Amino acid sequence: MNLVYFGVAPTYNTAPLLYPVNIDGITNDALYTNATIALNPDTGELVWYYQHLENDQWDLDWAFERQIVEIDVKVRNAKLSLIWVS
């Protein structure tokens, strides 16, 4: 796929995220400050991203590890649950 993945989680001032910004073209959604991104290493182009926590006013991004895995799974009738505790 020729992609390089990064977990982006810089420390930043979260105070501006508390209040809406009323300026055209400017948002306070903190996009890419708590995200996993995929870049094309040949061009540097941003190919894909996932923002884990939008408008992260608590700066929680350092608490979560990012793992991207590809798993072959045989599906059968079963129940699945996922628990996330922080």
PDB file of N, CA and C in Angstrom:
ATOM      1  N   MET A   1       0.815  -1.196   0.000  1.00  0.00           N
ATOM      2  CA  MET A   1       0.000   0.000   0.000  1.00  0.00           C
ATOM      3  C   MET A   1       0.857   1.259   0.000  1.00  0.00           C
ATOM      4  N   ASN A   2       2.130   1.140   0.313  1.00  0.00           N
ATOM      5  CA  ASN A   2       3.050   2.276   0.280  1.00  0.00           C
ATOM      6  C   ASN A   2       2.568   3.430   1.157  1.00  0.00           C
ATOM      7  N   LEU A   3       2.300   3.131   2.412  1.00  0.00           N
ATOM      8  CA  LEU A   3       1.858   4.146   3.367  1.00  0.00           C
ATOM      9  C   LEU A   3       2.739   4.112   4.602  1.00  0.00           C
ATOM     10  N   VAL A   4       2.913   5.263   5.205  1.00  0.00           N
ATOM     11  CA  VAL A   4       3.604   5.378   6.485  1.00  0.00           C
ATOM     12  C   VAL A   4       2.585   5.917   7.479  1.00  0.00           C
ATOM     13  N   TYR A   5       2.445   5.235   8.619  1.00  0.00           N
ATOM     14  CA  TYR A   5       1.453   5.621   9.624  1.00  0.00           C
ATOM     15  C   TYR A   5       2.132   6.315  10.796  1.00  0.00           C
ATOM     16  N   PHE A   6       1.479   7.345  11.316  1.00  0.00           N
ATOM     17  CA  PHE A   6       1.969   8.066  12.483  1.00  0.00           C
ATOM     18  C   PHE A   6       0.829   8.253  13.470  1.00  0.00           C
ATOM     19  N   GLY A   7       1.132   8.130  14.741  1.00  0.00           N
ATOM     20  CA  GLY A   7       0.205   8.512  15.792  1.00  0.00           C
ATOM     21  C   GLY A   7       0.554   9.922  16.223  1.00  0.00           C
ATOM     22  N   VAL A   8      -0.307  10.867  15.897  1.00  0.00           N
ATOM     23  CA  VAL A   8      -0.040  12.280  16.181  1.00  0.00           C
ATOM     24  C   VAL A   8      -0.703  12.647  17.500  1.00  0.00           C
ATOM     25  N   ALA A   9       0.092  13.077  18.463  1.00  0.00           N
ATOM     26  CA  ALA A   9      -0.452  13.409  19.777  1.00  0.00           C
ATOM     27  C   ALA A   9       0.405  14.472  20.449  1.00  0.00           C
ATOM     28  N   PRO A  10       0.486  15.667  19.869  1.00  0.00           N
ATOM     29  CA  PRO A  10       1.315  16.700  20.472  1.00  0.00           C
ATOM     30  C   PRO A  10       0.671  17.303  21.715  1.00  0.00           C
ATOM     31  N   THR A  11       1.495  17.799  22.598  1.00  0.00           N
ATOM     32  CA  THR A  11       0.984  18.565  23.724  1.00  0.00           C
ATOM     33  C   THR A  11       0.624  19.950  23.210  1.00  0.00           C
ATOM     34  N   TYR A  12      -0.529  20.450  23.623  1.00  0.00           N
ATOM     35  CA  TYR A  12      -0.974  21.742  23.125  1.00  0.00           C
ATOM     36  C   TYR A  12      -1.847  22.426  24.165  1.00  0.00           C
ATOM     37  N   ASN A  13      -2.040  23.713  23.992  1.00  0.00           N
ATOM     38  CA  ASN A  13      -2.889  24.499  24.878  1.00  0.00           C
ATOM     39  C   ASN A  13      -4.343  24.180  24.544  1.00  0.00           C
ATOM     40  N   THR A  14      -5.067  23.564  25.460  1.00  0.00           N
ATOM     41  CA  THR A  14      -6.453  23.161  25.193  1.00  0.00           C
ATOM     42  C   THR A  14      -7.464  24.262  25.499  1.00  0.00           C
ATOM     43  N   ALA A  15      -7.046  25.350  26.108  1.00  0.00           N
ATOM     44  CA  ALA A  15      -7.985  26.422  26.474  1.00  0.00           C
ATOM     45  C   ALA A  15      -8.775  26.967  25.286  1.00  0.00           C
ATOM     46  N   PRO A  16      -8.160  27.177  24.110  1.00  0.00           N
ATOM     47  CA  PRO A  16      -8.943  27.696  22.982  1.00  0.00           C
ATOM     48  C   PRO A  16     -10.048  26.749  22.509  1.00  0.00           C
ATOM     49  N   LEU A  17      -9.980  25.471  22.883  1.00  0.00           N
ATOM     50  CA  LEU A  17     -10.995  24.515  22.451  1.00  0.00           C
ATOM     51  C   LEU A  17     -12.307  24.672  23.207  1.00  0.00           C
ATOM     52  N   LEU A  18     -12.289  25.399  24.297  1.00  0.00           N
ATOM     53  CA  LEU A  18     -13.478  25.518  25.136  1.00  0.00           C
ATOM     54  C   LEU A  18     -14.566  26.388  24.530  1.00  0.00           C
ATOM     55  N   TYR A  19     -14.195  27.314  23.675  1.00  0.00           N
ATOM     56  CA  TYR A  19     -15.158  28.295  23.172  1.00  0.00           C
ATOM     57  C   TYR A  19     -15.206  28.263  21.650  1.00  0.00           C
ATOM     58  N   PRO A  20     -16.399  28.404  21.070  1.00  0.00           N
ATOM     59  CA  PRO A  20     -16.513  28.415  19.610  1.00  0.00           C
ATOM     60  C   PRO A  20     -15.754  29.593  18.997  1.00  0.00           C
ATOM     61  N   VAL A  21     -15.227  29.372  17.815  1.00  0.00           N
ATOM     62  CA  VAL A  21     -14.532  30.427  17.083  1.00  0.00           C
ATOM     63  C   VAL A  21     -15.481  30.947  16.013  1.00  0.00           C
ATOM     64  N   ASN A  22     -15.710  32.241  15.986  1.00  0.00           N
ATOM     65  CA  ASN A  22     -16.629  32.842  15.022  1.00  0.00           C
ATOM     66  C   ASN A  22     -15.883  33.583  13.921  1.00  0.00           C
ATOM     67  N   ILE A  23     -14.851  32.941  13.388  1.00  0.00           N
ATOM     68  CA  ILE A  23     -14.069  33.522  12.304  1.00  0.00           C
ATOM     69  C   ILE A  23     -14.120  32.549  11.127  1.00  0.00           C
ATOM     70  N   ASP A  24     -14.505  33.038   9.954  1.00  0.00           N
ATOM     71  CA  ASP A  24     -14.592  32.181   8.775  1.00  0.00           C
ATOM     72  C   ASP A  24     -13.264  31.490   8.497  1.00  0.00           C
ATOM     73  N   GLY A  25     -13.327  30.189   8.249  1.00  0.00           N
ATOM     74  CA  GLY A  25     -12.139  29.422   7.903  1.00  0.00           C
ATOM     75  C   GLY A  25     -11.312  28.962   9.080  1.00  0.00           C
ATOM     76  N   ILE A  26     -11.694  29.315  10.297  1.00  0.00           N
ATOM     77  CA  ILE A  26     -10.947  28.902  11.487  1.00  0.00           C
ATOM     78  C   ILE A  26     -11.865  28.076  12.378  1.00  0.00           C
ATOM     79  N   THR A  27     -11.381  26.931  12.811  1.00  0.00           N
ATOM     80  CA  THR A  27     -12.155  26.082  13.716  1.00  0.00           C
ATOM     81  C   THR A  27     -11.313  25.773  14.944  1.00  0.00           C
ATOM     82  N   ASN A  28     -11.951  25.253  15.949  1.00  0.00           N
ATOM     83  CA  ASN A  28     -11.213  24.795  17.133  1.00  0.00           C
ATOM     84  C   ASN A  28     -11.443  23.303  17.346  1.00  0.00           C
ATOM     85  N   ASP A  29     -11.560  22.554  16.248  1.00  0.00           N
ATOM     86  CA  ASP A  29     -11.784  21.115  16.376  1.00  0.00           C
ATOM     87  C   ASP A  29     -10.499  20.334  16.643  1.00  0.00           C
ATOM     88  N   ALA A  30      -9.349  21.008  16.621  1.00  0.00           N
ATOM     89  CA  ALA A  30      -8.055  20.392  16.941  1.00  0.00           C
ATOM     90  C   ALA A  30      -7.759  19.189  16.047  1.00  0.00           C
ATOM     91  N   LEU A  31      -8.130  19.302  14.785  1.00  0.00           N
ATOM     92  CA  LEU A  31      -7.899  18.221  13.837  1.00  0.00           C
ATOM     93  C   LEU A  31      -6.411  17.908  13.739  1.00  0.00           C
ATOM     94  N   TYR A  32      -6.097  16.637  13.731  1.00  0.00           N
ATOM     95  CA  TYR A  32      -4.742  16.076  13.661  1.00  0.00           C
ATOM     96  C   TYR A  32      -3.957  16.219  14.966  1.00  0.00           C
ATOM     97  N   THR A  33      -4.544  16.714  16.037  1.00  0.00           N
ATOM     98  CA  THR A  33      -3.819  16.768  17.305  1.00  0.00           C
ATOM     99  C   THR A  33      -4.014  15.501  18.119  1.00  0.00           C
ATOM    100  N   ASN A  34      -4.969  14.694  17.774  1.00  0.00           N
ATOM    101  CA  ASN A  34      -5.209  13.421  18.440  1.00  0.00           C
ATOM    102  C   ASN A  34      -5.680  12.461  17.368  1.00  0.00           C
ATOM    103  N   ALA A  35      -4.758  12.043  16.503  1.00  0.00           N
ATOM    104  CA  ALA A  35      -5.156  11.290  15.325  1.00  0.00           C
ATOM    105  C   ALA A  35      -4.093  10.277  14.930  1.00  0.00           C
ATOM    106  N   THR A  36      -4.517   9.330  14.123  1.00  0.00           N
ATOM    107  CA  THR A  36      -3.604   8.457  13.413  1.00  0.00           C
ATOM    108  C   THR A  36      -3.694   8.871  11.953  1.00  0.00           C
ATOM    109  N   ILE A  37      -2.548   9.120  11.334  1.00  0.00           N
ATOM    110  CA  ILE A  37      -2.543   9.571   9.942  1.00  0.00           C
ATOM    111  C   ILE A  37      -1.705   8.620   9.096  1.00  0.00           C
ATOM    112  N   ALA A  38      -2.018   8.561   7.815  1.00  0.00           N
ATOM    113  CA  ALA A  38      -1.246   7.774   6.856  1.00  0.00           C
ATOM    114  C   ALA A  38      -0.767   8.711   5.756  1.00  0.00           C
ATOM    115  N   LEU A  39       0.527   8.681   5.514  1.00  0.00           N
ATOM    116  CA  LEU A  39       1.129   9.523   4.478  1.00  0.00           C
ATOM    117  C   LEU A  39       1.726   8.653   3.382  1.00  0.00           C
ATOM    118  N   ASN A  40       1.685   9.154   2.163  1.00  0.00           N
ATOM    119  CA  ASN A  40       2.401   8.525   1.070  1.00  0.00           C
ATOM    120  C   ASN A  40       3.863   8.950   1.212  1.00  0.00           C
ATOM    121  N   PRO A  41       4.791   8.011   1.440  1.00  0.00           N
ATOM    122  CA  PRO A  41       6.179   8.401   1.682  1.00  0.00           C
ATOM    123  C   PRO A  41       6.871   8.998   0.453  1.00  0.00           C
ATOM    124  N   ASP A  42       6.340   8.747  -0.737  1.00  0.00           N
ATOM    125  CA  ASP A  42       6.955   9.291  -1.949  1.00  0.00           C
ATOM    126  C   ASP A  42       6.589  10.750  -2.180  1.00  0.00           C
ATOM    127  N   THR A  43       5.363  11.126  -1.792  1.00  0.00           N
ATOM    128  CA  THR A  43       4.881  12.482  -2.072  1.00  0.00           C
ATOM    129  C   THR A  43       4.654  13.322  -0.821  1.00  0.00           C
ATOM    130  N   GLY A  44       4.532  12.657   0.337  1.00  0.00           N
ATOM    131  CA  GLY A  44       4.202  13.371   1.568  1.00  0.00           C
ATOM    132  C   GLY A  44       2.719  13.683   1.688  1.00  0.00           C
ATOM    133  N   GLU A  45       1.929  13.240   0.716  1.00  0.00           N
ATOM    134  CA  GLU A  45       0.491  13.511   0.698  1.00  0.00           C
ATOM    135  C   GLU A  45      -0.217  12.782   1.844  1.00  0.00           C
ATOM    136  N   LEU A  46      -1.134  13.488   2.505  1.00  0.00           N
ATOM    137  CA  LEU A  46      -1.986  12.871   3.513  1.00  0.00           C
ATOM    138  C   LEU A  46      -3.010  12.013   2.787  1.00  0.00           C
ATOM    139  N   VAL A  47      -2.971  10.697   3.030  1.00  0.00           N
ATOM    140  CA  VAL A  47      -3.849   9.761   2.335  1.00  0.00           C
ATOM    141  C   VAL A  47      -5.059   9.411   3.180  1.00  0.00           C
ATOM    142  N   TRP A  48      -4.869   9.328   4.491  1.00  0.00           N
ATOM    143  CA  TRP A  48      -5.922   8.841   5.365  1.00  0.00           C
ATOM    144  C   TRP A  48      -5.677   9.374   6.769  1.00  0.00           C
ATOM    145  N   TYR A  49      -6.745   9.610   7.526  1.00  0.00           N
ATOM    146  CA  TYR A  49      -6.590   9.956   8.936  1.00  0.00           C
ATOM    147  C   TYR A  49      -7.824   9.522   9.709  1.00  0.00           C
ATOM    148  N   TYR A  50      -7.622   9.330  10.992  1.00  0.00           N
ATOM    149  CA  TYR A  50      -8.727   9.059  11.902  1.00  0.00           C
ATOM    150  C   TYR A  50      -8.487   9.887  13.157  1.00  0.00           C
ATOM    151  N   GLN A  51      -9.419  10.755  13.485  1.00  0.00           N
ATOM    152  CA  GLN A  51      -9.309  11.568  14.698  1.00  0.00           C
ATOM    153  C   GLN A  51      -9.949  10.788  15.841  1.00  0.00           C
ATOM    154  N   HIS A  52      -9.143  10.400  16.814  1.00  0.00           N
ATOM    155  CA  HIS A  52      -9.613   9.536  17.895  1.00  0.00           C
ATOM    156  C   HIS A  52     -10.574  10.245  18.838  1.00  0.00           C
ATOM    157  N   LEU A  53     -10.340  11.487  19.129  1.00  0.00           N
ATOM    158  CA  LEU A  53     -11.206  12.229  20.045  1.00  0.00           C
ATOM    159  C   LEU A  53     -11.307  13.668  19.562  1.00  0.00           C
ATOM    160  N   GLU A  54     -12.443  14.003  18.975  1.00  0.00           N
ATOM    161  CA  GLU A  54     -12.646  15.347  18.438  1.00  0.00           C
ATOM    162  C   GLU A  54     -12.701  16.374  19.562  1.00  0.00           C
ATOM    163  N   ASN A  55     -12.113  17.537  19.321  1.00  0.00           N
ATOM    164  CA  ASN A  55     -12.127  18.639  20.292  1.00  0.00           C
ATOM    165  C   ASN A  55     -11.650  18.146  21.660  1.00  0.00           C
ATOM    166  N   ASP A  56     -10.468  17.586  21.692  1.00  0.00           N
ATOM    167  CA  ASP A  56      -9.913  16.942  22.888  1.00  0.00           C
ATOM    168  C   ASP A  56      -9.485  17.979  23.921  1.00  0.00           C
ATOM    169  N   GLN A  57     -10.440  18.467  24.695  1.00  0.00           N
ATOM    170  CA  GLN A  57     -10.168  19.497  25.703  1.00  0.00           C
ATOM    171  C   GLN A  57      -9.384  18.968  26.895  1.00  0.00           C
ATOM    172  N   TRP A  58      -9.343  17.664  27.083  1.00  0.00           N
ATOM    173  CA  TRP A  58      -8.635  17.077  28.226  1.00  0.00           C
ATOM    174  C   TRP A  58      -7.231  16.609  27.857  1.00  0.00           C
ATOM    175  N   ASP A  59      -6.838  16.770  26.596  1.00  0.00           N
ATOM    176  CA  ASP A  59      -5.520  16.348  26.113  1.00  0.00           C
ATOM    177  C   ASP A  59      -5.241  14.888  26.476  1.00  0.00           C
ATOM    178  N   LEU A  60      -6.193  14.014  26.160  1.00  0.00           N
ATOM    179  CA  LEU A  60      -6.088  12.594  26.511  1.00  0.00           C
ATOM    180  C   LEU A  60      -5.260  11.775  25.529  1.00  0.00           C
ATOM    181  N   ASP A  61      -4.742  12.394  24.488  1.00  0.00           N
ATOM    182  CA  ASP A  61      -4.124  11.629  23.424  1.00  0.00           C
ATOM    183  C   ASP A  61      -2.913  10.800  23.838  1.00  0.00           C
ATOM    184  N   TRP A  62      -2.186  11.195  24.830  1.00  0.00           N
ATOM    185  CA  TRP A  62      -1.010  10.425  25.231  1.00  0.00           C
ATOM    186  C   TRP A  62      -1.370   9.119  25.916  1.00  0.00           C
ATOM    187  N   ALA A  63      -2.605   8.978  26.360  1.00  0.00           N
ATOM    188  CA  ALA A  63      -2.995   7.803  27.135  1.00  0.00           C
ATOM    189  C   ALA A  63      -3.276   6.573  26.285  1.00  0.00           C
ATOM    190  N   PHE A  64      -3.414   6.730  24.988  1.00  0.00           N
ATOM    191  CA  PHE A  64      -3.863   5.613  24.167  1.00  0.00           C
ATOM    192  C   PHE A  64      -2.825   5.240  23.118  1.00  0.00           C
ATOM    193  N   GLU A  65      -2.451   3.974  23.090  1.00  0.00           N
ATOM    194  CA  GLU A  65      -1.522   3.476  22.078  1.00  0.00           C
ATOM    195  C   GLU A  65      -2.276   3.232  20.779  1.00  0.00           C
ATOM    196  N   ARG A  66      -1.602   3.392  19.669  1.00  0.00           N
ATOM    197  CA  ARG A  66      -2.212   3.137  18.371  1.00  0.00           C
ATOM    198  C   ARG A  66      -1.629   1.862  17.793  1.00  0.00           C
ATOM    199  N   GLN A  67      -2.500   0.967  17.395  1.00  0.00           N
ATOM    200  CA  GLN A  67      -2.056  -0.263  16.756  1.00  0.00           C
ATOM    201  C   GLN A  67      -2.887  -0.467  15.498  1.00  0.00           C
ATOM    202  N   ILE A  68      -2.219  -0.663  14.405  1.00  0.00           N
ATOM    203  CA  ILE A  68      -2.897  -0.973  13.159  1.00  0.00           C
ATOM    204  C   ILE A  68      -2.493  -2.390  12.799  1.00  0.00           C
ATOM    205  N   VAL A  69      -3.462  -3.264  12.743  1.00  0.00           N
ATOM    206  CA  VAL A  69      -3.179  -4.672  12.492  1.00  0.00           C
ATOM    207  C   VAL A  69      -4.090  -5.189  11.392  1.00  0.00           C
ATOM    208  N   GLU A  70      -3.600  -6.180  10.695  1.00  0.00           N
ATOM    209  CA  GLU A  70      -4.414  -6.880   9.705  1.00  0.00           C
ATOM    210  C   GLU A  70      -4.507  -8.327  10.163  1.00  0.00           C
ATOM    211  N   ILE A  71      -5.726  -8.800  10.378  1.00  0.00           N
ATOM    212  CA  ILE A  71      -5.941 -10.131  10.928  1.00  0.00           C
ATOM    213  C   ILE A  71      -6.920 -10.885  10.038  1.00  0.00           C
ATOM    214  N   ASP A  72      -6.571 -12.111   9.673  1.00  0.00           N
ATOM    215  CA  ASP A  72      -7.516 -12.983   8.984  1.00  0.00           C
ATOM    216  C   ASP A  72      -8.384 -13.656  10.036  1.00  0.00           C
ATOM    217  N   VAL A  73      -9.689 -13.543   9.878  1.00  0.00           N
ATOM    218  CA  VAL A  73     -10.619 -14.074  10.871  1.00  0.00           C
ATOM    219  C   VAL A  73     -11.620 -14.986  10.185  1.00  0.00           C
ATOM    220  N   LYS A  74     -11.829 -16.155  10.752  1.00  0.00           N
ATOM    221  CA  LYS A  74     -12.890 -17.041  10.284  1.00  0.00           C
ATOM    222  C   LYS A  74     -14.133 -16.707  11.086  1.00  0.00           C
ATOM    223  N   VAL A  75     -15.182 -16.331  10.392  1.00  0.00           N
ATOM    224  CA  VAL A  75     -16.404 -15.888  11.055  1.00  0.00           C
ATOM    225  C   VAL A  75     -17.324 -17.075  11.286  1.00  0.00           C
ATOM    226  N   ARG A  76     -17.913 -17.106  12.473  1.00  0.00           N
ATOM    227  CA  ARG A  76     -18.924 -18.109  12.802  1.00  0.00           C
ATOM    228  C   ARG A  76     -19.953 -17.435  13.687  1.00  0.00           C
ATOM    229  N   ASN A  77     -21.017 -18.102  13.975  1.00  0.00           N
ATOM    230  CA  ASN A  77     -22.045 -17.527  14.842  1.00  0.00           C
ATOM    231  C   ASN A  77     -21.494 -17.402  16.256  1.00  0.00           C
ATOM    232  N   ALA A  78     -21.284 -16.181  16.679  1.00  0.00           N
ATOM    233  CA  ALA A  78     -20.741 -15.937  18.013  1.00  0.00           C
ATOM    234  C   ALA A  78     -21.053 -14.504  18.406  1.00  0.00           C
ATOM    235  N   LYS A  79     -20.950 -14.231  19.690  1.00  0.00           N
ATOM    236  CA  LYS A  79     -21.126 -12.872  20.188  1.00  0.00           C
ATOM    237  C   LYS A  79     -19.746 -12.282  20.464  1.00  0.00           C
ATOM    238  N   LEU A  80     -19.630 -11.008  20.214  1.00  0.00           N
ATOM    239  CA  LEU A  80     -18.365 -10.322  20.418  1.00  0.00           C
ATOM    240  C   LEU A  80     -18.621  -9.062  21.218  1.00  0.00           C
ATOM    241  N   SER A  81     -17.764  -8.786  22.169  1.00  0.00           N
ATOM    242  CA  SER A  81     -17.889  -7.537  22.919  1.00  0.00           C
ATOM    243  C   SER A  81     -16.503  -6.923  23.066  1.00  0.00           C
ATOM    244  N   LEU A  82     -16.499  -5.622  23.202  1.00  0.00           N
ATOM    245  CA  LEU A  82     -15.262  -4.878  23.386  1.00  0.00           C
ATOM    246  C   LEU A  82     -15.476  -3.913  24.535  1.00  0.00           C
ATOM    247  N   ILE A  83     -14.577  -3.925  25.494  1.00  0.00           N
ATOM    248  CA  ILE A  83     -14.682  -3.034  26.646  1.00  0.00           C
ATOM    249  C   ILE A  83     -13.482  -2.106  26.627  1.00  0.00           C
ATOM    250  N   TRP A  84     -13.748  -0.815  26.768  1.00  0.00           N
ATOM    251  CA  TRP A  84     -12.687   0.184  26.805  1.00  0.00           C
ATOM    252  C   TRP A  84     -12.831   0.936  28.110  1.00  0.00           C
ATOM    253  N   VAL A  85     -11.835   0.848  28.955  1.00  0.00           N
ATOM    254  CA  VAL A  85     -11.869   1.508  30.254  1.00  0.00           C
ATOM    255  C   VAL A  85     -10.703   2.476  30.310  1.00  0.00           C
ATOM    256  N   SER A  86     -10.994   3.707  30.712  1.00  0.00           N
ATOM    257  CA  SER A  86      -9.898   4.665  30.873  1.00  0.00           C
ATOM    258  C   SER A  86     -10.076   5.418  32.165  1.00  0.00           C
TER     259      SER A  86
END
